[in-house]
Amino acid sequence: MNAPGSREATRLPLSEKRIPDEVFAQMRAENLARWPTGAGVDFDAAVERHRSLPPHKQLAWVMRKADAERRCLTQPRGGFGTFELQKQLMQVLDRDGHADVVPTTTDSYTRNEHWHLAQKGIEETEKMGRSMLNGYPMVNYGVERAAELVDAINKPAIMLTGTAMPRLTGEIGYAGGYSGYLGSGIAYTVSYIKELSIEEGIRNYQYLDRLVAMYQDAGVELHRRQPGFLTGTNIPPSIAIITCVLDCLLAAAQGVKNYGLEMGQTLHLVQDAAATVVCRELCQDYLRRRGHEDVFTSVTLLHWMGAWPHDDAQSAALISYGGTLAAVAGANSVTTKSTHEAFGIPTPEINAEGLRMTRTAIYLARNIRLDGLPEFEQEKEWIRREVRAIVDKVLEMGDGDVAVGTIRAFEAGVLDIPWSPNRYVKSRILPARDADGCLRILDPGLMPFPRDVLEFNEAKLRRRAEKENVSYGPDLAVSSVYEMAEPIAKLLPDTWS
């Protein structure tokens, strides 16, 4: 039940190539048989279900329209342990939070395919009258309940599953009318799980992307989204964009046509705006190079993904600033947090409050752009050079195959992620914040960045070390991780007295 890939999939050599129809049919049969609710997936009925949804409840259409109108949409996270609690949450986020996209975050047991334990969590939640799971057990409740959740709101619904094993959850959610799924084979595997190999993570998401292409072939465009990094640490823009490009190319090879790119905010307005532009630009460039001319890519920024302050006022500032950053950057959407981020799962009302804060900030900054600002143009060029150096090397190492190149690059340390929990990642690269507040590369590990790029990063970080009278080294990286969680009196002390 808990096998990360089907037997049929493991018999095929790893490749970016689209899974053949007959092989995929066998994979689906094996996958849907792993839990009783899999029997509720009827592809033809699912296609008709999606066709019956109005456009404003179809996330692929909504993302395209937001891009055309230069709007920044809002989407929170959120999941509770029973159907009724989840339904109430989604309605509050839709109605009171004015969310443009309504989420369903799955619980940890579902993420790890421990559905029997999720069932016990459902029973405990019903007994206790409060959620004993940290999300919604999508697989246990099945297709009909998923459809009821979609029908309970007036916005598109997206699955937020935080897993390297998306196959059955994706089948059930899409069959129920969810029109978006957040996750990817590289980013989630290196962010969330220790023992699963990156190869298996890629295979698992090739299944999901092949499923989305199957819907596409039937005339239903679904939205897939790359999740950025959820390690809770600092990720320089170039590292995030490298992974966006590779995950996007893997999805496109399976036939995905509507793909979202996601990055955590650095909290430096110029750097976030530059990263947003470059992420989309380079993804489109590499897609076209490989013959994928018709893939739509949107960009989502995530509210600060590092440690959060316990003070509500500081949290509110981070939320509002995050909305401002997303609007100025020209992001298509922003994934929001709440003032209770440091304490645990927020109530529906507090979650909705974070949405409204963000929407207000977006409104205030909606017409501001940085085009032509020298610092903005320079930052874009530095990010481009960092990204191209690594992506080009990965493709070279795979002899042109993205999947093969990715595995070989991780093994060699050419592709690396800061503070990854995954044992297949070297995690030798270290980032730190420079004197201006931008995230830079302190130690590249074995990643082959150009010499002048590394000299630029080092000069920026040495200026901070000198300014703060601290040693140049790992302490710069560690202090950057916890910086935003510090009390305001420490971050900006009152020295007048």
Protein backbone atom coordinates (compact mmCIF):
# COMPACT_ATOMS: atom_id res chain seq x y z
CA MET A 1 0.00 0.00 0.00
CA ASN A 2 2.80 2.40 0.81
CA ALA A 3 5.02 1.67 -2.20
CA PRO A 4 6.16 4.99 -3.72
CA GLY A 5 5.84 3.85 -7.34
CA SER A 6 3.99 1.20 -9.27
CA ARG A 7 5.80 -1.96 -10.37
CA GLU A 8 5.18 -1.06 -14.00
CA ALA A 9 6.80 2.35 -13.55
CA THR A 10 9.97 0.93 -12.04
CA ARG A 11 10.42 -1.41 -15.04
CA LEU A 12 10.77 1.59 -17.35
CA PRO A 13 14.18 3.29 -17.41
CA LEU A 14 14.01 6.76 -15.87
CA SER A 15 13.35 9.32 -18.57
CA GLU A 16 11.52 12.58 -19.09
CA LYS A 17 9.58 10.94 -21.94
CA ARG A 18 5.78 10.86 -21.76
CA ILE A 19 4.49 7.64 -20.18
CA PRO A 20 2.97 5.46 -22.95
CA ASP A 21 -0.82 5.04 -22.90
CA GLU A 22 -0.82 1.29 -22.22
CA VAL A 23 1.74 1.61 -19.42
CA PHE A 24 -0.19 4.45 -17.81
CA ALA A 25 -3.45 2.49 -17.95
CA GLN A 26 -1.80 -0.30 -15.97
CA MET A 27 -0.28 2.16 -13.51
CA ARG A 28 -3.70 3.73 -12.90
CA ALA A 29 -5.33 0.36 -12.29
CA GLU A 30 -2.69 -0.52 -9.71
CA ASN A 31 -2.86 2.89 -8.06
CA LEU A 32 -6.64 3.08 -7.73
CA ALA A 33 -6.73 -0.39 -6.17
CA ARG A 34 -4.57 0.68 -3.20
CA TRP A 35 -7.46 2.03 -1.08
CA PRO A 36 -11.22 1.38 -1.33
CA THR A 37 -12.10 4.97 -2.29
CA GLY A 38 -10.02 4.58 -5.44
CA ALA A 39 -12.94 2.63 -6.89
CA GLY A 40 -14.94 5.88 -6.88
CA VAL A 41 -12.74 7.42 -9.58
CA ASP A 42 -14.56 7.37 -12.93
CA PHE A 43 -12.53 9.27 -15.52
CA ASP A 44 -15.38 9.88 -17.96
CA ALA A 45 -17.62 11.14 -15.17
CA ALA A 46 -14.77 13.33 -13.90
CA VAL A 47 -14.36 14.92 -17.33
CA GLU A 48 -18.07 15.75 -17.44
CA ARG A 49 -17.84 17.07 -13.90
CA HIS A 50 -15.14 19.57 -14.88
CA ARG A 51 -16.96 20.57 -18.03
CA SER A 52 -20.01 21.39 -15.93
CA LEU A 53 -18.10 23.81 -13.68
CA PRO A 54 -18.41 27.51 -14.55
CA PRO A 55 -15.14 29.10 -15.74
CA HIS A 56 -14.63 31.02 -12.50
CA LYS A 57 -14.34 27.69 -10.64
CA GLN A 58 -11.71 26.32 -13.04
CA LEU A 59 -8.27 27.28 -11.79
CA ALA A 60 -6.53 27.01 -15.17
CA TRP A 61 -8.96 29.56 -16.63
CA VAL A 62 -8.73 31.79 -13.55
CA MET A 63 -4.92 31.90 -13.69
CA ARG A 64 -4.92 32.76 -17.38
CA LYS A 65 -7.46 35.54 -16.82
CA ALA A 66 -5.54 36.96 -13.84
CA ASP A 67 -2.41 37.08 -15.97
CA ALA A 68 -4.21 38.82 -18.83
CA GLU A 69 -5.65 41.42 -16.42
CA ARG A 70 -2.40 41.82 -14.43
CA ARG A 71 -4.15 40.88 -11.21
CA CYS A 72 -2.52 39.32 -8.15
CA LEU A 73 -4.81 36.67 -6.68
CA THR A 74 -4.88 35.53 -3.05
CA GLN A 75 -4.83 31.97 -1.80
CA PRO A 76 -4.39 30.75 1.78
CA ARG A 77 -3.49 27.34 3.12
CA GLY A 78 -5.92 25.37 5.23
CA GLY A 79 -7.01 21.89 6.21
CA PHE A 80 -8.96 20.21 9.03
CA GLY A 81 -9.55 16.61 10.01
CA THR A 82 -13.19 16.01 9.06
CA PHE A 83 -15.41 16.80 6.12
CA GLU A 84 -17.66 19.18 8.07
CA LEU A 85 -14.74 21.14 9.54
CA GLN A 86 -13.09 21.37 6.13
CA LYS A 87 -16.29 22.52 4.47
CA GLN A 88 -16.77 25.25 7.09
CA LEU A 89 -13.15 26.39 6.65
CA MET A 90 -13.43 26.62 2.88
CA GLN A 91 -16.67 28.59 3.09
CA VAL A 92 -15.17 31.07 5.56
CA LEU A 93 -12.09 31.56 3.39
CA ASP A 94 -14.28 32.06 0.32
CA ARG A 95 -16.88 34.34 1.93
CA ASP A 96 -15.09 36.23 4.71
CA GLY A 97 -11.52 36.09 3.42
CA HIS A 98 -12.44 36.88 -0.20
CA ALA A 99 -9.94 34.21 -1.29
CA ASP A 100 -9.53 33.99 -5.05
CA VAL A 101 -8.44 30.35 -4.78
CA VAL A 102 -9.65 28.07 -1.97
CA PRO A 103 -7.29 25.38 -0.65
CA THR A 104 -7.51 21.95 0.86
CA THR A 105 -4.34 21.05 2.73
CA THR A 106 -4.05 17.32 3.43
CA ASP A 107 -2.86 15.82 6.72
CA SER A 108 0.53 14.24 7.36
CA TYR A 109 -0.80 10.67 7.33
CA THR A 110 -2.31 11.22 3.90
CA ARG A 111 0.91 12.81 2.66
CA ASN A 112 2.79 9.66 3.62
CA GLU A 113 0.03 7.30 2.39
CA HIS A 114 -0.77 6.01 5.88
CA TRP A 115 -4.49 6.05 5.19
CA HIS A 116 -5.33 3.59 7.98
CA LEU A 117 -3.84 6.05 10.49
CA ALA A 118 -5.72 8.93 8.86
CA GLN A 119 -8.92 6.96 9.46
CA LYS A 120 -8.11 6.76 13.17
CA GLY A 121 -7.50 10.50 13.12
CA ILE A 122 -10.95 11.08 11.64
CA GLU A 123 -12.51 9.01 14.40
CA GLU A 124 -10.56 10.86 17.11
CA THR A 125 -11.53 14.22 15.61
CA GLU A 126 -15.21 13.31 15.63
CA LYS A 127 -14.91 12.08 19.22
CA MET A 128 -13.03 15.16 20.49
CA GLY A 129 -14.99 17.77 18.52
CA ARG A 130 -11.83 19.44 17.25
CA SER A 131 -9.34 18.57 14.53
CA MET A 132 -6.85 15.94 15.62
CA LEU A 133 -5.29 15.92 12.16
CA ASN A 134 -3.22 18.73 10.64
CA GLY A 135 -5.17 18.62 7.39
CA TYR A 136 -7.96 16.97 5.41
CA PRO A 137 -7.75 13.21 4.72
CA MET A 138 -8.74 13.45 1.05
CA VAL A 139 -8.24 9.78 0.20
CA ASN A 140 -10.28 8.47 3.11
CA TYR A 141 -13.29 10.65 2.30
CA GLY A 142 -13.18 9.90 -1.40
CA VAL A 143 -14.54 11.44 -4.60
CA GLU A 144 -18.11 12.25 -3.57
CA ARG A 145 -17.03 14.21 -0.52
CA ALA A 146 -14.39 16.03 -2.57
CA ALA A 147 -17.16 17.05 -4.98
CA GLU A 148 -19.28 18.35 -2.09
CA LEU A 149 -16.40 20.55 -0.93
CA VAL A 150 -15.99 22.00 -4.41
CA ASP A 151 -19.74 22.63 -4.60
CA ALA A 152 -19.72 24.40 -1.21
CA ILE A 153 -17.63 27.32 -2.53
CA ASN A 154 -17.82 29.75 -5.43
CA LYS A 155 -14.11 29.77 -6.31
CA PRO A 156 -11.68 27.25 -7.81
CA ALA A 157 -10.33 24.67 -5.38
CA ILE A 158 -6.70 23.55 -5.20
CA MET A 159 -5.11 20.58 -3.44
CA LEU A 160 -2.14 21.44 -1.20
CA THR A 161 -0.69 18.08 -0.24
CA GLY A 162 2.94 18.59 0.75
CA THR A 163 3.92 15.14 -0.46
CA ALA A 164 6.29 13.33 -2.77
CA MET A 165 3.56 10.68 -3.20
CA PRO A 166 0.62 12.40 -4.91
CA ARG A 167 -0.86 9.69 -7.07
CA LEU A 168 -4.02 8.58 -5.26
CA THR A 169 -4.77 11.94 -3.65
CA GLY A 170 -4.51 13.59 -7.07
CA GLU A 171 -6.80 11.05 -8.71
CA ILE A 172 -9.51 11.53 -6.08
CA GLY A 173 -9.29 15.30 -5.88
CA TYR A 174 -9.30 15.86 -9.62
CA ALA A 175 -12.18 13.40 -10.04
CA GLY A 176 -14.15 15.38 -7.44
CA GLY A 177 -13.75 18.69 -9.27
CA TYR A 178 -10.61 20.18 -7.75
CA SER A 179 -8.98 21.98 -10.66
CA GLY A 180 -5.51 22.56 -9.23
CA TYR A 181 -2.77 20.53 -7.55
CA LEU A 182 0.34 21.92 -5.83
CA GLY A 183 3.43 19.74 -5.87
CA SER A 184 6.38 18.56 -7.93
CA GLY A 185 8.84 15.71 -8.07
CA ILE A 186 11.97 17.67 -7.25
CA ALA A 187 10.85 20.44 -4.88
CA TYR A 188 8.63 18.36 -2.61
CA THR A 189 10.96 15.37 -2.44
CA VAL A 190 13.93 17.49 -1.37
CA SER A 191 11.80 19.56 1.03
CA TYR A 192 9.65 17.06 2.89
CA ILE A 193 10.99 13.53 3.04
CA LYS A 194 14.23 11.91 4.15
CA GLU A 195 14.39 8.42 2.70
CA LEU A 196 12.47 8.61 -0.60
CA SER A 197 14.85 8.97 -3.52
CA ILE A 198 14.56 11.92 -5.87
CA GLU A 199 14.10 9.45 -8.72
CA GLU A 200 10.99 8.03 -7.05
CA GLY A 201 9.68 11.53 -6.38
CA ILE A 202 10.09 12.41 -10.05
CA ARG A 203 8.37 9.17 -11.11
CA ASN A 204 5.44 9.85 -8.78
CA TYR A 205 4.86 13.31 -10.18
CA GLN A 206 5.29 12.07 -13.73
CA TYR A 207 2.22 9.98 -12.96
CA LEU A 208 0.27 13.02 -11.78
CA ASP A 209 1.36 15.14 -14.73
CA ARG A 210 0.49 12.33 -17.13
CA LEU A 211 -2.96 12.21 -15.50
CA VAL A 212 -3.39 15.96 -16.06
CA ALA A 213 -2.38 15.48 -19.70
CA MET A 214 -5.02 12.76 -19.97
CA TYR A 215 -7.64 15.29 -18.87
CA GLN A 216 -6.13 17.79 -21.31
CA ASP A 217 -6.53 15.30 -24.15
CA ALA A 218 -10.19 14.96 -23.14
CA GLY A 219 -10.69 18.72 -23.42
CA VAL A 220 -10.28 19.67 -19.72
CA GLU A 221 -7.40 21.99 -18.81
CA LEU A 222 -6.29 21.53 -15.22
CA HIS A 223 -3.77 23.60 -13.29
CA ARG A 224 -0.56 22.09 -11.96
CA ARG A 225 1.75 24.08 -9.75
CA GLN A 226 5.33 23.71 -8.61
CA PRO A 227 5.52 24.33 -4.84
CA GLY A 228 8.76 26.19 -4.28
CA PHE A 229 10.58 25.07 -1.13
CA LEU A 230 8.92 24.49 2.21
CA THR A 231 12.03 23.74 4.24
CA GLY A 232 11.44 26.75 6.50
CA THR A 233 14.84 28.18 5.61
CA ASN A 234 16.27 30.75 3.23
CA ILE A 235 16.37 29.85 -0.46
CA PRO A 236 18.18 32.24 -2.84
CA PRO A 237 16.07 33.09 -5.91
CA SER A 238 18.39 31.29 -8.32
CA ILE A 239 18.06 27.98 -6.45
CA ALA A 240 14.27 28.28 -6.48
CA ILE A 241 14.19 29.18 -10.17
CA ILE A 242 16.54 26.36 -11.17
CA THR A 243 14.13 23.91 -9.60
CA CYS A 244 11.11 25.65 -11.13
CA VAL A 245 12.65 25.27 -14.59
CA LEU A 246 13.47 21.58 -14.14
CA ASP A 247 10.11 20.66 -12.57
CA CYS A 248 8.31 22.62 -15.29
CA LEU A 249 10.19 20.84 -18.07
CA LEU A 250 9.35 17.47 -16.52
CA ALA A 251 5.65 18.37 -16.40
CA ALA A 252 5.63 19.69 -19.94
CA ALA A 253 7.23 16.46 -21.19
CA GLN A 254 4.21 14.57 -19.84
CA GLY A 255 1.82 16.97 -21.60
CA VAL A 256 0.89 19.60 -18.99
CA LYS A 257 -0.22 22.90 -20.57
CA ASN A 258 -1.04 25.09 -17.55
CA TYR A 259 1.76 25.15 -14.98
CA GLY A 260 2.33 27.46 -12.04
CA LEU A 261 5.77 28.43 -10.73
CA GLU A 262 6.17 29.20 -7.05
CA MET A 263 8.84 30.87 -4.93
CA GLY A 264 9.13 31.89 -1.32
CA GLN A 265 9.65 35.61 -0.79
CA THR A 266 13.11 36.84 0.19
CA LEU A 267 11.47 39.95 1.73
CA HIS A 268 13.64 42.25 -0.37
CA LEU A 269 11.32 44.09 -2.74
CA VAL A 270 13.81 44.52 -5.60
CA GLN A 271 15.13 40.97 -5.38
CA ASP A 272 11.62 39.45 -5.22
CA ALA A 273 10.46 41.52 -8.19
CA ALA A 274 13.54 40.53 -10.19
CA ALA A 275 13.11 36.85 -9.31
CA THR A 276 9.44 36.88 -10.35
CA VAL A 277 10.27 38.24 -13.80
CA VAL A 278 13.29 36.00 -14.36
CA CYS A 279 11.52 32.84 -13.17
CA ARG A 280 8.82 33.10 -15.80
CA GLU A 281 11.20 34.38 -18.48
CA LEU A 282 13.66 31.51 -18.13
CA CYS A 283 11.00 28.81 -17.78
CA GLN A 284 9.47 30.00 -21.05
CA ASP A 285 12.91 30.17 -22.67
CA TYR A 286 13.80 26.58 -21.77
CA LEU A 287 10.30 25.36 -22.68
CA ARG A 288 10.61 26.85 -26.16
CA ARG A 289 14.12 25.46 -26.61
CA ARG A 290 12.72 21.99 -26.03
CA GLY A 291 9.75 22.38 -28.33
CA HIS A 292 7.06 23.21 -25.76
CA GLU A 293 5.55 26.30 -27.39
CA ASP A 294 2.09 26.22 -25.79
CA VAL A 295 2.68 25.91 -22.05
CA PHE A 296 1.18 28.72 -19.97
CA THR A 297 3.22 29.56 -16.87
CA SER A 298 2.04 31.77 -14.01
CA VAL A 299 4.10 32.85 -10.99
CA THR A 300 3.02 32.65 -7.35
CA LEU A 301 4.93 34.16 -4.43
CA LEU A 302 4.68 32.66 -0.96
CA HIS A 303 4.48 34.75 2.18
CA TRP A 304 7.70 34.46 4.19
CA MET A 305 8.57 30.77 4.57
CA GLY A 306 11.04 31.08 7.43
CA ALA A 307 10.57 31.39 11.18
CA TRP A 308 7.76 33.78 12.20
CA PRO A 309 7.53 36.22 15.13
CA HIS A 310 5.16 35.55 18.01
CA ASP A 311 4.04 39.17 18.11
CA ASP A 312 0.77 39.76 16.22
CA ALA A 313 1.81 43.23 15.10
CA GLN A 314 5.06 41.97 13.60
CA SER A 315 3.19 39.13 11.90
CA ALA A 316 0.66 41.55 10.47
CA ALA A 317 3.51 43.61 9.04
CA LEU A 318 5.01 40.54 7.37
CA ILE A 319 1.62 39.64 5.89
CA SER A 320 0.96 43.12 4.54
CA TYR A 321 4.49 43.54 3.23
CA GLY A 322 4.19 40.15 1.54
CA GLY A 323 1.11 41.34 -0.31
CA THR A 324 2.92 44.50 -1.35
CA LEU A 325 5.90 42.52 -2.64
CA ALA A 326 3.68 40.22 -4.70
CA ALA A 327 1.81 43.13 -6.27
CA VAL A 328 4.92 45.15 -7.12
CA ALA A 329 6.66 42.03 -8.47
CA GLY A 330 3.80 41.38 -10.86
CA ALA A 331 3.09 37.93 -9.42
CA ASN A 332 -0.12 36.26 -10.56
CA SER A 333 -0.95 35.17 -7.03
CA VAL A 334 0.30 35.12 -3.47
CA THR A 335 -0.11 32.34 -0.93
CA THR A 336 -0.99 33.90 2.41
CA LYS A 337 -0.34 33.26 6.08
CA SER A 338 -1.94 34.48 9.30
CA THR A 339 -0.86 36.21 12.50
CA HIS A 340 -1.02 32.81 14.23
CA GLU A 341 1.68 31.31 12.00
CA ALA A 342 4.13 30.90 14.90
CA PHE A 343 1.59 29.09 17.08
CA GLY A 344 0.08 26.43 14.81
CA ILE A 345 -2.94 25.95 12.59
CA PRO A 346 -5.05 29.15 12.55
CA THR A 347 -8.80 29.27 13.04
CA PRO A 348 -10.85 29.90 9.88
CA GLU A 349 -11.52 33.46 11.04
CA ILE A 350 -7.84 34.29 11.66
CA ASN A 351 -6.93 32.69 8.34
CA ALA A 352 -9.51 34.88 6.60
CA GLU A 353 -8.09 37.94 8.37
CA GLY A 354 -4.66 37.24 6.85
CA LEU A 355 -6.30 37.11 3.44
CA ARG A 356 -7.94 40.50 3.91
CA MET A 357 -4.67 42.08 5.08
CA THR A 358 -2.96 40.78 1.98
CA ARG A 359 -5.73 41.90 -0.37
CA THR A 360 -5.59 45.42 1.03
CA ALA A 361 -1.82 45.59 0.52
CA ILE A 362 -2.20 44.30 -3.04
CA TYR A 363 -4.79 46.99 -3.74
CA LEU A 364 -2.52 49.75 -2.48
CA ALA A 365 0.47 48.56 -4.54
CA ARG A 366 -1.40 47.28 -7.59
CA ASN A 367 -0.02 49.82 -10.10
CA ILE A 368 3.60 50.00 -8.94
CA ARG A 369 6.37 48.41 -11.03
CA LEU A 370 10.17 48.66 -10.94
CA ASP A 371 10.92 48.51 -14.68
CA GLY A 372 13.97 50.60 -15.54
CA LEU A 373 15.25 50.89 -11.96
CA PRO A 374 19.02 50.16 -12.25
CA GLU A 375 19.11 47.91 -9.16
CA PHE A 376 16.16 45.91 -10.52
CA GLU A 377 17.73 45.40 -13.94
CA GLN A 378 21.09 44.45 -12.43
CA GLU A 379 19.53 41.96 -10.02
CA LYS A 380 17.69 40.26 -12.88
CA GLU A 381 20.93 39.80 -14.78
CA TRP A 382 22.78 38.28 -11.80
CA ILE A 383 19.91 35.84 -11.20
CA ARG A 384 19.80 34.87 -14.89
CA ARG A 385 23.50 34.04 -14.87
CA GLU A 386 23.24 31.91 -11.73
CA VAL A 387 20.26 29.96 -13.07
CA ARG A 388 21.58 29.33 -16.59
CA ALA A 389 24.92 28.03 -15.34
CA ILE A 390 23.25 25.23 -13.38
CA VAL A 391 20.31 24.36 -15.65
CA ASP A 392 22.58 24.11 -18.67
CA LYS A 393 24.92 21.81 -16.73
CA VAL A 394 22.03 19.60 -15.58
CA LEU A 395 20.82 19.19 -19.16
CA GLU A 396 24.37 18.41 -20.29
CA MET A 397 24.77 15.78 -17.57
CA GLY A 398 21.54 14.10 -18.65
CA ASP A 399 22.51 14.11 -22.32
CA GLY A 400 19.48 16.32 -22.86
CA ASP A 401 17.10 14.35 -20.59
CA VAL A 402 15.86 16.45 -17.67
CA ALA A 403 15.00 13.51 -15.39
CA VAL A 404 18.33 11.75 -15.88
CA GLY A 405 20.28 14.99 -15.61
CA THR A 406 18.54 15.94 -12.38
CA ILE A 407 19.49 12.67 -10.66
CA ARG A 408 23.09 12.82 -11.86
CA ALA A 409 23.39 16.47 -10.85
CA PHE A 410 22.14 15.81 -7.31
CA GLU A 411 24.55 12.88 -6.98
CA ALA A 412 27.43 15.11 -8.03
CA GLY A 413 26.37 18.12 -5.96
CA VAL A 414 25.95 20.18 -9.12
CA LEU A 415 22.32 20.55 -8.06
CA ASP A 416 21.96 21.30 -4.36
CA ILE A 417 19.43 22.64 -1.83
CA PRO A 418 20.20 24.41 1.46
CA TRP A 419 19.25 22.46 4.60
CA SER A 420 17.38 19.72 2.74
CA PRO A 421 16.21 16.79 4.93
CA ASN A 422 16.55 14.38 1.99
CA ARG A 423 19.50 12.00 2.22
CA TYR A 424 20.00 12.14 -1.55
CA VAL A 425 20.83 15.86 -1.40
CA LYS A 426 24.31 16.99 -0.35
CA SER A 427 23.04 20.26 1.21
CA ARG A 428 26.48 21.86 1.11
CA ILE A 429 25.27 25.15 -0.33
CA LEU A 430 24.67 27.88 2.25
CA PRO A 431 22.82 31.18 1.72
CA ALA A 432 22.87 34.30 3.88
CA ARG A 433 21.36 37.76 3.82
CA ASP A 434 23.65 40.59 2.71
CA ALA A 435 23.89 44.12 4.11
CA ASP A 436 21.09 45.31 1.84
CA GLY A 437 18.73 42.47 2.79
CA CYS A 438 19.10 40.30 -0.33
CA LEU A 439 19.73 36.56 -0.09
CA ARG A 440 23.14 35.64 -1.46
CA ILE A 441 25.25 32.49 -1.81
CA LEU A 442 27.69 32.21 1.07
CA ASP A 443 29.06 28.77 0.19
CA PRO A 444 28.22 27.26 -3.23
CA GLY A 445 29.20 23.76 -2.22
CA LEU A 446 29.90 21.94 -5.49
CA MET A 447 27.54 23.99 -7.62
CA PRO A 448 29.41 25.31 -10.70
CA PHE A 449 28.51 28.98 -10.64
CA PRO A 450 30.73 31.32 -12.71
CA ARG A 451 33.69 32.78 -10.81
CA ASP A 452 32.58 36.40 -11.16
CA VAL A 453 29.10 35.46 -9.87
CA LEU A 454 30.62 33.96 -6.73
CA GLU A 455 32.89 36.99 -6.29
CA PHE A 456 29.84 39.25 -6.49
CA ASN A 457 28.00 37.21 -3.83
CA GLU A 458 31.05 37.14 -1.56
CA ALA A 459 31.62 40.88 -1.82
CA LYS A 460 28.01 41.57 -0.86
CA LEU A 461 28.20 39.27 2.16
CA ARG A 462 31.61 40.51 3.32
CA ARG A 463 30.19 44.03 3.38
CA ARG A 464 27.53 42.83 5.82
CA ALA A 465 30.10 41.03 7.99
CA GLU A 466 32.19 44.19 8.18
CA LYS A 467 29.18 46.40 8.86
CA GLU A 468 27.98 44.19 11.73
CA ASN A 469 31.50 43.36 12.96
CA VAL A 470 30.91 39.59 12.74
CA SER A 471 33.05 36.86 11.19
CA TYR A 472 32.50 35.92 7.57
CA GLY A 473 31.23 32.35 7.66
CA PRO A 474 28.37 30.00 8.59
CA ASP A 475 27.11 32.26 11.40
CA LEU A 476 25.89 34.67 8.73
CA ALA A 477 23.73 31.89 7.30
CA VAL A 478 22.31 30.77 10.66
CA SER A 479 21.42 34.27 11.84
CA SER A 480 19.63 34.92 8.55
CA VAL A 481 17.30 31.95 9.13
CA TYR A 482 15.95 33.20 12.47
CA GLU A 483 16.13 36.92 11.81
CA MET A 484 12.44 37.57 11.10
CA ALA A 485 11.35 35.73 14.25
CA GLU A 486 13.35 38.04 16.52
CA PRO A 487 11.52 40.62 18.67
CA ILE A 488 11.26 44.04 17.05
CA ALA A 489 13.28 45.58 19.91
CA LYS A 490 16.22 43.43 18.85
CA LEU A 491 15.77 43.92 15.10
CA LEU A 492 15.38 47.68 15.38
CA PRO A 493 16.42 48.79 18.88
CA ASP A 494 15.37 52.12 20.31
CA THR A 495 18.75 53.76 20.94
CA TRP A 496 17.64 57.39 21.40
CA SER A 497 17.53 57.05 25.15
